[in-house]
Amino acid sequence: FAVPAALITLTFFIFAGSGSVEIKPQAYDLVKVIPYLT
């Protein structure tokens, strides 16, 4: 159920988004993402 719904929603937001901004490089520590991935 979720995958088709997510893909449709993603497509909607791709076409709905009209604004853009240059986002400065974000500081992050990849190690801190590991618990979530695990």
PDB file of all heavy atoms in Angstrom:
ATOM      1  N   PHE A   1       0.819  -1.212   0.000  1.00  0.00           N
ATOM      2  CA  PHE A   1       0.000   0.000   0.000  1.00  0.00           C
ATOM      3  C   PHE A   1       0.859   1.270   0.000  1.00  0.00           C
ATOM      4  O   PHE A   1       0.556   2.241  -0.684  1.00  0.00           O
ATOM      5  CB  PHE A   1      -0.909   0.032   1.233  1.00  0.00           C
ATOM      6  CG  PHE A   1      -1.817  -1.153   1.367  1.00  0.00           C
ATOM      7  CD1 PHE A   1      -1.411  -2.284   2.072  1.00  0.00           C
ATOM      8  CD2 PHE A   1      -3.075  -1.143   0.796  1.00  0.00           C
ATOM      9  CE1 PHE A   1      -2.252  -3.376   2.204  1.00  0.00           C
ATOM     10  CE2 PHE A   1      -3.929  -2.233   0.929  1.00  0.00           C
ATOM     11  CZ  PHE A   1      -3.511  -3.357   1.632  1.00  0.00           C
ATOM     12  N   ALA A   2       1.932   1.246   0.817  1.00  0.00           N
ATOM     13  CA  ALA A   2       2.693   2.467   1.065  1.00  0.00           C
ATOM     14  C   ALA A   2       3.564   2.896  -0.111  1.00  0.00           C
ATOM     15  O   ALA A   2       3.690   4.097  -0.383  1.00  0.00           O
ATOM     16  CB  ALA A   2       3.567   2.287   2.315  1.00  0.00           C
ATOM     17  N   VAL A   3       4.188   1.946  -0.792  1.00  0.00           N
ATOM     18  CA  VAL A   3       5.112   2.303  -1.876  1.00  0.00           C
ATOM     19  C   VAL A   3       4.399   3.039  -3.018  1.00  0.00           C
ATOM     20  O   VAL A   3       4.844   4.114  -3.439  1.00  0.00           O
ATOM     21  CB  VAL A   3       5.864   1.055  -2.389  1.00  0.00           C
ATOM     22  CG1 VAL A   3       6.631   1.383  -3.675  1.00  0.00           C
ATOM     23  CG2 VAL A   3       6.829   0.543  -1.326  1.00  0.00           C
ATOM     24  N   PRO A   4       3.290   2.503  -3.556  1.00  0.00           N
ATOM     25  CA  PRO A   4       2.603   3.261  -4.612  1.00  0.00           C
ATOM     26  C   PRO A   4       2.140   4.640  -4.140  1.00  0.00           C
ATOM     27  O   PRO A   4       2.256   5.626  -4.876  1.00  0.00           O
ATOM     28  CB  PRO A   4       1.396   2.373  -4.957  1.00  0.00           C
ATOM     29  CG  PRO A   4       1.774   1.009  -4.510  1.00  0.00           C
ATOM     30  CD  PRO A   4       2.618   1.215  -3.284  1.00  0.00           C
ATOM     31  N   ALA A   5       1.623   4.699  -2.912  1.00  0.00           N
ATOM     32  CA  ALA A   5       1.150   5.985  -2.379  1.00  0.00           C
ATOM     33  C   ALA A   5       2.306   6.970  -2.240  1.00  0.00           C
ATOM     34  O   ALA A   5       2.164   8.160  -2.541  1.00  0.00           O
ATOM     35  CB  ALA A   5       0.471   5.770  -1.028  1.00  0.00           C
ATOM     36  N   ALA A   6       3.464   6.482  -1.780  1.00  0.00           N
ATOM     37  CA  ALA A   6       4.629   7.349  -1.605  1.00  0.00           C
ATOM     38  C   ALA A   6       5.144   7.861  -2.951  1.00  0.00           C
ATOM     39  O   ALA A   6       5.530   9.032  -3.077  1.00  0.00           O
ATOM     40  CB  ALA A   6       5.734   6.607  -0.861  1.00  0.00           C
ATOM     41  N   LEU A   7       5.153   6.998  -3.956  1.00  0.00           N
ATOM     42  CA  LEU A   7       5.631   7.406  -5.281  1.00  0.00           C
ATOM     43  C   LEU A   7       4.711   8.465  -5.898  1.00  0.00           C
ATOM     44  O   LEU A   7       5.181   9.427  -6.512  1.00  0.00           O
ATOM     45  CB  LEU A   7       5.731   6.188  -6.206  1.00  0.00           C
ATOM     46  CG  LEU A   7       6.818   5.165  -5.855  1.00  0.00           C
ATOM     47  CD1 LEU A   7       6.736   3.956  -6.778  1.00  0.00           C
ATOM     48  CD2 LEU A   7       8.205   5.813  -5.933  1.00  0.00           C
ATOM     49  N   ILE A   8       3.407   8.274  -5.727  1.00  0.00           N
ATOM     50  CA  ILE A   8       2.457   9.272  -6.236  1.00  0.00           C
ATOM     51  C   ILE A   8       2.643  10.593  -5.509  1.00  0.00           C
ATOM     52  O   ILE A   8       2.646  11.673  -6.123  1.00  0.00           O
ATOM     53  CB  ILE A   8       1.008   8.765  -6.072  1.00  0.00           C
ATOM     54  CG1 ILE A   8       0.766   7.539  -6.968  1.00  0.00           C
ATOM     55  CG2 ILE A   8       0.006   9.879  -6.405  1.00  0.00           C
ATOM     56  CD1 ILE A   8      -0.562   6.855  -6.731  1.00  0.00           C
ATOM     57  N   THR A   9       2.810  10.520  -4.181  1.00  0.00           N
ATOM     58  CA  THR A   9       3.009  11.736  -3.384  1.00  0.00           C
ATOM     59  C   THR A   9       4.299  12.436  -3.777  1.00  0.00           C
ATOM     60  O   THR A   9       4.347  13.670  -3.904  1.00  0.00           O
ATOM     61  CB  THR A   9       3.051  11.383  -1.883  1.00  0.00           C
ATOM     62  OG1 THR A   9       1.845  10.699  -1.523  1.00  0.00           O
ATOM     63  CG2 THR A   9       3.195  12.640  -1.034  1.00  0.00           C
ATOM     64  N   LEU A  10       5.343  11.650  -3.973  1.00  0.00           N
ATOM     65  CA  LEU A  10       6.638  12.215  -4.374  1.00  0.00           C
ATOM     66  C   LEU A  10       6.522  12.930  -5.709  1.00  0.00           C
ATOM     67  O   LEU A  10       7.056  14.035  -5.897  1.00  0.00           O
ATOM     68  CB  LEU A  10       7.682  11.096  -4.445  1.00  0.00           C
ATOM     69  CG  LEU A  10       9.144  11.518  -4.644  1.00  0.00           C
ATOM     70  CD1 LEU A  10       9.631  12.349  -3.467  1.00  0.00           C
ATOM     71  CD2 LEU A  10      10.025  10.287  -4.813  1.00  0.00           C
ATOM     72  N   THR A  11       5.819  12.311  -6.644  1.00  0.00           N
ATOM     73  CA  THR A  11       5.607  12.928  -7.961  1.00  0.00           C
ATOM     74  C   THR A  11       4.845  14.251  -7.826  1.00  0.00           C
ATOM     75  O   THR A  11       5.171  15.246  -8.489  1.00  0.00           O
ATOM     76  CB  THR A  11       4.822  11.968  -8.874  1.00  0.00           C
ATOM     77  OG1 THR A  11       5.532  10.736  -8.992  1.00  0.00           O
ATOM     78  CG2 THR A  11       4.628  12.585 -10.255  1.00  0.00           C
ATOM     79  N   PHE A  12       3.849  14.249  -6.951  1.00  0.00           N
ATOM     80  CA  PHE A  12       3.080  15.470  -6.728  1.00  0.00           C
ATOM     81  C   PHE A  12       3.982  16.604  -6.244  1.00  0.00           C
ATOM     82  O   PHE A  12       3.912  17.735  -6.749  1.00  0.00           O
ATOM     83  CB  PHE A  12       1.974  15.209  -5.703  1.00  0.00           C
ATOM     84  CG  PHE A  12       1.304  16.459  -5.202  1.00  0.00           C
ATOM     85  CD1 PHE A  12       0.308  17.074  -5.950  1.00  0.00           C
ATOM     86  CD2 PHE A  12       1.684  17.049  -3.998  1.00  0.00           C
ATOM     87  CE1 PHE A  12      -0.308  18.237  -5.496  1.00  0.00           C
ATOM     88  CE2 PHE A  12       1.082  18.209  -3.537  1.00  0.00           C
ATOM     89  CZ  PHE A  12       0.082  18.808  -4.294  1.00  0.00           C
ATOM     90  N   PHE A  13       4.850  16.309  -5.270  1.00  0.00           N
ATOM     91  CA  PHE A  13       5.711  17.352  -4.719  1.00  0.00           C
ATOM     92  C   PHE A  13       6.800  17.790  -5.713  1.00  0.00           C
ATOM     93  O   PHE A  13       7.241  18.935  -5.690  1.00  0.00           O
ATOM     94  CB  PHE A  13       6.352  16.885  -3.411  1.00  0.00           C
ATOM     95  CG  PHE A  13       5.405  16.890  -2.244  1.00  0.00           C
ATOM     96  CD1 PHE A  13       5.182  15.743  -1.511  1.00  0.00           C
ATOM     97  CD2 PHE A  13       4.718  18.039  -1.894  1.00  0.00           C
ATOM     98  CE1 PHE A  13       4.308  15.745  -0.440  1.00  0.00           C
ATOM     99  CE2 PHE A  13       3.825  18.054  -0.828  1.00  0.00           C
ATOM    100  CZ  PHE A  13       3.624  16.895  -0.096  1.00  0.00           C
ATOM    101  N   ILE A  14       7.206  16.895  -6.599  1.00  0.00           N
ATOM    102  CA  ILE A  14       8.180  17.269  -7.634  1.00  0.00           C
ATOM    103  C   ILE A  14       7.591  18.337  -8.551  1.00  0.00           C
ATOM    104  O   ILE A  14       8.256  19.332  -8.893  1.00  0.00           O
ATOM    105  CB  ILE A  14       8.605  16.029  -8.448  1.00  0.00           C
ATOM    106  CG1 ILE A  14       9.503  15.115  -7.596  1.00  0.00           C
ATOM    107  CG2 ILE A  14       9.343  16.450  -9.725  1.00  0.00           C
ATOM    108  CD1 ILE A  14       9.869  13.810  -8.280  1.00  0.00           C
ATOM    109  N   PHE A  15       6.355  18.151  -8.953  1.00  0.00           N
ATOM    110  CA  PHE A  15       5.714  19.103  -9.865  1.00  0.00           C
ATOM    111  C   PHE A  15       5.155  20.322  -9.129  1.00  0.00           C
ATOM    112  O   PHE A  15       4.992  21.389  -9.721  1.00  0.00           O
ATOM    113  CB  PHE A  15       4.593  18.410 -10.651  1.00  0.00           C
ATOM    114  CG  PHE A  15       5.090  17.478 -11.712  1.00  0.00           C
ATOM    115  CD1 PHE A  15       5.127  16.110 -11.490  1.00  0.00           C
ATOM    116  CD2 PHE A  15       5.567  17.957 -12.928  1.00  0.00           C
ATOM    117  CE1 PHE A  15       5.599  15.233 -12.472  1.00  0.00           C
ATOM    118  CE2 PHE A  15       6.042  17.104 -13.904  1.00  0.00           C
ATOM    119  CZ  PHE A  15       6.056  15.734 -13.681  1.00  0.00           C
ATOM    120  N   ALA A  16       4.867  20.167  -7.833  1.00  0.00           N
ATOM    121  CA  ALA A  16       4.288  21.280  -7.077  1.00  0.00           C
ATOM    122  C   ALA A  16       5.343  22.287  -6.641  1.00  0.00           C
ATOM    123  O   ALA A  16       5.047  23.467  -6.467  1.00  0.00           O
ATOM    124  CB  ALA A  16       3.556  20.751  -5.844  1.00  0.00           C
ATOM    125  N   GLY A  17       6.584  21.814  -6.461  1.00  0.00           N
ATOM    126  CA  GLY A  17       7.638  22.698  -5.979  1.00  0.00           C
ATOM    127  C   GLY A  17       8.114  23.647  -7.059  1.00  0.00           C
ATOM    128  O   GLY A  17       8.527  23.228  -8.141  1.00  0.00           O
ATOM    129  N   SER A  18       8.061  24.935  -6.750  1.00  0.00           N
ATOM    130  CA  SER A  18       8.487  25.926  -7.741  1.00  0.00           C
ATOM    131  C   SER A  18       9.653  26.765  -7.255  1.00  0.00           C
ATOM    132  O   SER A  18      10.312  27.443  -8.031  1.00  0.00           O
ATOM    133  CB  SER A  18       7.311  26.865  -8.073  1.00  0.00           C
ATOM    134  OG  SER A  18       6.847  27.508  -6.892  1.00  0.00           O
ATOM    135  N   GLY A  19       9.911  26.714  -5.951  1.00  0.00           N
ATOM    136  CA  GLY A  19      10.965  27.559  -5.392  1.00  0.00           C
ATOM    137  C   GLY A  19      12.255  26.793  -5.208  1.00  0.00           C
ATOM    138  O   GLY A  19      12.274  25.582  -5.083  1.00  0.00           O
ATOM    139  N   SER A  20      13.362  27.516  -5.230  1.00  0.00           N
ATOM    140  CA  SER A  20      14.657  26.887  -4.984  1.00  0.00           C
ATOM    141  C   SER A  20      15.567  27.892  -4.302  1.00  0.00           C
ATOM    142  O   SER A  20      15.372  29.098  -4.389  1.00  0.00           O
ATOM    143  CB  SER A  20      15.294  26.408  -6.295  1.00  0.00           C
ATOM    144  OG  SER A  20      15.615  27.514  -7.117  1.00  0.00           O
ATOM    145  N   VAL A  21      16.539  27.363  -3.610  1.00  0.00           N
ATOM    146  CA  VAL A  21      17.514  28.201  -2.925  1.00  0.00           C
ATOM    147  C   VAL A  21      18.806  27.399  -2.792  1.00  0.00           C
ATOM    148  O   VAL A  21      18.776  26.184  -2.634  1.00  0.00           O
ATOM    149  CB  VAL A  21      16.998  28.629  -1.525  1.00  0.00           C
ATOM    150  CG1 VAL A  21      16.771  27.434  -0.638  1.00  0.00           C
ATOM    151  CG2 VAL A  21      17.972  29.603  -0.860  1.00  0.00           C
ATOM    152  N   GLU A  22      19.901  28.096  -2.916  1.00  0.00           N
ATOM    153  CA  GLU A  22      21.185  27.428  -2.732  1.00  0.00           C
ATOM    154  C   GLU A  22      21.404  27.194  -1.237  1.00  0.00           C
ATOM    155  O   GLU A  22      21.533  28.148  -0.468  1.00  0.00           O
ATOM    156  CB  GLU A  22      22.321  28.277  -3.314  1.00  0.00           C
ATOM    157  CG  GLU A  22      22.342  28.323  -4.833  1.00  0.00           C
ATOM    158  CD  GLU A  22      22.645  26.968  -5.451  1.00  0.00           C
ATOM    159  OE1 GLU A  22      23.265  26.116  -4.755  1.00  0.00           O
ATOM    160  OE2 GLU A  22      22.254  26.742  -6.596  1.00  0.00           O
ATOM    161  N   ILE A  23      21.384  25.948  -0.840  1.00  0.00           N
ATOM    162  CA  ILE A  23      21.568  25.612   0.568  1.00  0.00           C
ATOM    163  C   ILE A  23      23.055  25.447   0.844  1.00  0.00           C
ATOM    164  O   ILE A  23      23.761  24.728   0.135  1.00  0.00           O
ATOM    165  CB  ILE A  23      20.820  24.310   0.917  1.00  0.00           C
ATOM    166  CG1 ILE A  23      19.331  24.463   0.624  1.00  0.00           C
ATOM    167  CG2 ILE A  23      21.029  23.933   2.373  1.00  0.00           C
ATOM    168  CD1 ILE A  23      18.525  23.217   0.854  1.00  0.00           C
ATOM    169  N   LYS A  24      23.513  26.118   1.870  1.00  0.00           N
ATOM    170  CA  LYS A  24      24.916  26.009   2.235  1.00  0.00           C
ATOM    171  C   LYS A  24      25.234  24.578   2.646  1.00  0.00           C
ATOM    172  O   LYS A  24      24.380  23.877   3.185  1.00  0.00           O
ATOM    173  CB  LYS A  24      25.236  26.962   3.387  1.00  0.00           C
ATOM    174  CG  LYS A  24      25.043  28.434   3.049  1.00  0.00           C
ATOM    175  CD  LYS A  24      25.351  29.306   4.254  1.00  0.00           C
ATOM    176  CE  LYS A  24      25.151  30.781   3.923  1.00  0.00           C
ATOM    177  NZ  LYS A  24      25.423  31.656   5.101  1.00  0.00           N
ATOM    178  N   PRO A  25      26.466  24.133   2.386  1.00  0.00           N
ATOM    179  CA  PRO A  25      26.850  22.777   2.791  1.00  0.00           C
ATOM    180  C   PRO A  25      26.551  22.549   4.271  1.00  0.00           C
ATOM    181  O   PRO A  25      26.899  23.363   5.119  1.00  0.00           O
ATOM    182  CB  PRO A  25      28.354  22.747   2.508  1.00  0.00           C
ATOM    183  CG  PRO A  25      28.546  23.768   1.431  1.00  0.00           C
ATOM    184  CD  PRO A  25      27.564  24.858   1.715  1.00  0.00           C
ATOM    185  N   GLN A  26      25.891  21.450   4.552  1.00  0.00           N
ATOM    186  CA  GLN A  26      25.478  21.144   5.916  1.00  0.00           C
ATOM    187  C   GLN A  26      26.544  20.307   6.624  1.00  0.00           C
ATOM    188  O   GLN A  26      27.069  19.346   6.075  1.00  0.00           O
ATOM    189  CB  GLN A  26      24.153  20.379   5.906  1.00  0.00           C
ATOM    190  CG  GLN A  26      23.021  21.124   5.224  1.00  0.00           C
ATOM    191  CD  GLN A  26      22.587  22.343   6.008  1.00  0.00           C
ATOM    192  OE1 GLN A  26      22.311  22.269   7.197  1.00  0.00           O
ATOM    193  NE2 GLN A  26      22.519  23.473   5.328  1.00  0.00           N
ATOM    194  N   ALA A  27      26.835  20.697   7.844  1.00  0.00           N
ATOM    195  CA  ALA A  27      27.774  19.914   8.642  1.00  0.00           C
ATOM    196  C   ALA A  27      27.030  18.728   9.247  1.00  0.00           C
ATOM    197  O   ALA A  27      25.978  18.885   9.851  1.00  0.00           O
ATOM    198  CB  ALA A  27      28.367  20.778   9.754  1.00  0.00           C
ATOM    199  N   TYR A  28      27.546  17.558   9.057  1.00  0.00           N
ATOM    200  CA  TYR A  28      26.918  16.368   9.630  1.00  0.00           C
ATOM    201  C   TYR A  28      27.978  15.294   9.854  1.00  0.00           C
ATOM    202  O   TYR A  28      29.035  15.284   9.216  1.00  0.00           O
ATOM    203  CB  TYR A  28      25.823  15.821   8.713  1.00  0.00           C
ATOM    204  CG  TYR A  28      26.324  15.336   7.372  1.00  0.00           C
ATOM    205  CD1 TYR A  28      26.736  14.016   7.188  1.00  0.00           C
ATOM    206  CD2 TYR A  28      26.381  16.198   6.273  1.00  0.00           C
ATOM    207  CE1 TYR A  28      27.201  13.572   5.959  1.00  0.00           C
ATOM    208  CE2 TYR A  28      26.838  15.763   5.045  1.00  0.00           C
ATOM    209  CZ  TYR A  28      27.244  14.449   4.884  1.00  0.00           C
ATOM    210  OH  TYR A  28      27.707  14.019   3.674  1.00  0.00           O
ATOM    211  N   ASP A  29      27.701  14.413  10.788  1.00  0.00           N
ATOM    212  CA  ASP A  29      28.590  13.293  11.095  1.00  0.00           C
ATOM    213  C   ASP A  29      27.873  12.018  10.674  1.00  0.00           C
ATOM    214  O   ASP A  29      26.869  11.631  11.274  1.00  0.00           O
ATOM    215  CB  ASP A  29      28.906  13.267  12.592  1.00  0.00           C
ATOM    216  CG  ASP A  29      30.004  12.254  12.928  1.00  0.00           C
ATOM    217  OD1 ASP A  29      30.245  11.359  12.106  1.00  0.00           O
ATOM    218  OD2 ASP A  29      30.595  12.370  14.021  1.00  0.00           O
ATOM    219  N   LEU A  30      28.383  11.387   9.637  1.00  0.00           N
ATOM    220  CA  LEU A  30      27.728  10.193   9.086  1.00  0.00           C
ATOM    221  C   LEU A  30      27.595   9.089  10.134  1.00  0.00           C
ATOM    222  O   LEU A  30      26.636   8.310  10.105  1.00  0.00           O
ATOM    223  CB  LEU A  30      28.519   9.682   7.880  1.00  0.00           C
ATOM    224  CG  LEU A  30      27.878   8.526   7.085  1.00  0.00           C
ATOM    225  CD1 LEU A  30      26.509   8.940   6.548  1.00  0.00           C
ATOM    226  CD2 LEU A  30      28.788   8.098   5.939  1.00  0.00           C
ATOM    227  N   VAL A  31      28.524   9.035  11.067  1.00  0.00           N
ATOM    228  CA  VAL A  31      28.491   7.994  12.102  1.00  0.00           C
ATOM    229  C   VAL A  31      27.187   8.068  12.912  1.00  0.00           C
ATOM    230  O   VAL A  31      26.642   7.047  13.325  1.00  0.00           O
ATOM    231  CB  VAL A  31      29.714   8.128  13.043  1.00  0.00           C
ATOM    232  CG1 VAL A  31      29.610   7.147  14.210  1.00  0.00           C
ATOM    233  CG2 VAL A  31      30.999   7.890  12.271  1.00  0.00           C
ATOM    234  N   LYS A  32      26.675   9.285  13.100  1.00  0.00           N
ATOM    235  CA  LYS A  32      25.477   9.457  13.923  1.00  0.00           C
ATOM    236  C   LYS A  32      24.207   8.977  13.227  1.00  0.00           C
ATOM    237  O   LYS A  32      23.160   8.843  13.872  1.00  0.00           O
ATOM    238  CB  LYS A  32      25.331  10.931  14.312  1.00  0.00           C
ATOM    239  CG  LYS A  32      26.449  11.416  15.233  1.00  0.00           C
ATOM    240  CD  LYS A  32      26.251  12.868  15.635  1.00  0.00           C
ATOM    241  CE  LYS A  32      27.356  13.321  16.586  1.00  0.00           C
ATOM    242  NZ  LYS A  32      27.201  14.741  17.002  1.00  0.00           N
ATOM    243  N   VAL A  33      24.303   8.706  11.934  1.00  0.00           N
ATOM    244  CA  VAL A  33      23.156   8.177  11.199  1.00  0.00           C
ATOM    245  C   VAL A  33      23.105   6.653  11.303  1.00  0.00           C
ATOM    246  O   VAL A  33      22.060   6.033  11.087  1.00  0.00           O
ATOM    247  CB  VAL A  33      23.228   8.601   9.716  1.00  0.00           C
ATOM    248  CG1 VAL A  33      21.990   8.145   8.950  1.00  0.00           C
ATOM    249  CG2 VAL A  33      23.371  10.117   9.602  1.00  0.00           C
ATOM    250  N   ILE A  34      24.223   6.044  11.675  1.00  0.00           N
ATOM    251  CA  ILE A  34      24.333   4.582  11.706  1.00  0.00           C
ATOM    252  C   ILE A  34      23.277   3.906  12.578  1.00  0.00           C
ATOM    253  O   ILE A  34      22.705   2.879  12.175  1.00  0.00           O
ATOM    254  CB  ILE A  34      25.756   4.166  12.135  1.00  0.00           C
ATOM    255  CG1 ILE A  34      26.754   4.549  11.044  1.00  0.00           C
ATOM    256  CG2 ILE A  34      25.827   2.664  12.423  1.00  0.00           C
ATOM    257  CD1 ILE A  34      28.213   4.239  11.377  1.00  0.00           C
ATOM    258  N   PRO A  35      22.979   4.420  13.798  1.00  0.00           N
ATOM    259  CA  PRO A  35      21.945   3.739  14.605  1.00  0.00           C
ATOM    260  C   PRO A  35      20.607   3.609  13.882  1.00  0.00           C
ATOM    261  O   PRO A  35      19.940   2.565  13.980  1.00  0.00           O
ATOM    262  CB  PRO A  35      21.833   4.636  15.840  1.00  0.00           C
ATOM    263  CG  PRO A  35      23.167   5.268  15.973  1.00  0.00           C
ATOM    264  CD  PRO A  35      23.614   5.515  14.555  1.00  0.00           C
ATOM    265  N   TYR A  36      20.201   4.646  13.141  1.00  0.00           N
ATOM    266  CA  TYR A  36      18.941   4.589  12.410  1.00  0.00           C
ATOM    267  C   TYR A  36      18.996   3.533  11.300  1.00  0.00           C
ATOM    268  O   TYR A  36      18.059   2.744  11.123  1.00  0.00           O
ATOM    269  CB  TYR A  36      18.618   5.948  11.792  1.00  0.00           C
ATOM    270  CG  TYR A  36      18.212   7.005  12.779  1.00  0.00           C
ATOM    271  CD1 TYR A  36      18.477   8.353  12.538  1.00  0.00           C
ATOM    272  CD2 TYR A  36      17.553   6.675  13.953  1.00  0.00           C
ATOM    273  CE1 TYR A  36      18.095   9.342  13.436  1.00  0.00           C
ATOM    274  CE2 TYR A  36      17.160   7.646  14.856  1.00  0.00           C
ATOM    275  CZ  TYR A  36      17.441   8.982  14.594  1.00  0.00           C
ATOM    276  OH  TYR A  36      17.049   9.950  15.482  1.00  0.00           O
ATOM    277  N   LEU A  37      20.073   3.540  10.555  1.00  0.00           N
ATOM    278  CA  LEU A  37      20.221   2.563   9.482  1.00  0.00           C
ATOM    279  C   LEU A  37      20.238   1.142  10.034  1.00  0.00           C
ATOM    280  O   LEU A  37      19.632   0.229   9.462  1.00  0.00           O
ATOM    281  CB  LEU A  37      21.519   2.833   8.701  1.00  0.00           C
ATOM    282  CG  LEU A  37      21.574   4.150   7.921  1.00  0.00           C
ATOM    283  CD1 LEU A  37      22.972   4.358   7.340  1.00  0.00           C
ATOM    284  CD2 LEU A  37      20.538   4.163   6.811  1.00  0.00           C
ATOM    285  N   THR A  38      20.912   0.968  11.166  1.00  0.00           N
ATOM    286  CA  THR A  38      20.999  -0.358  11.783  1.00  0.00           C
ATOM    287  C   THR A  38      19.632  -0.856  12.216  1.00  0.00           C
ATOM    288  O   THR A  38      19.276  -2.021  11.990  1.00  0.00           O
ATOM    289  CB  THR A  38      21.940  -0.319  13.008  1.00  0.00           C
ATOM    290  OG1 THR A  38      23.223   0.154  12.604  1.00  0.00           O
ATOM    291  CG2 THR A  38      22.079  -1.705  13.623  1.00  0.00           C
TER     292      THR A  38
END
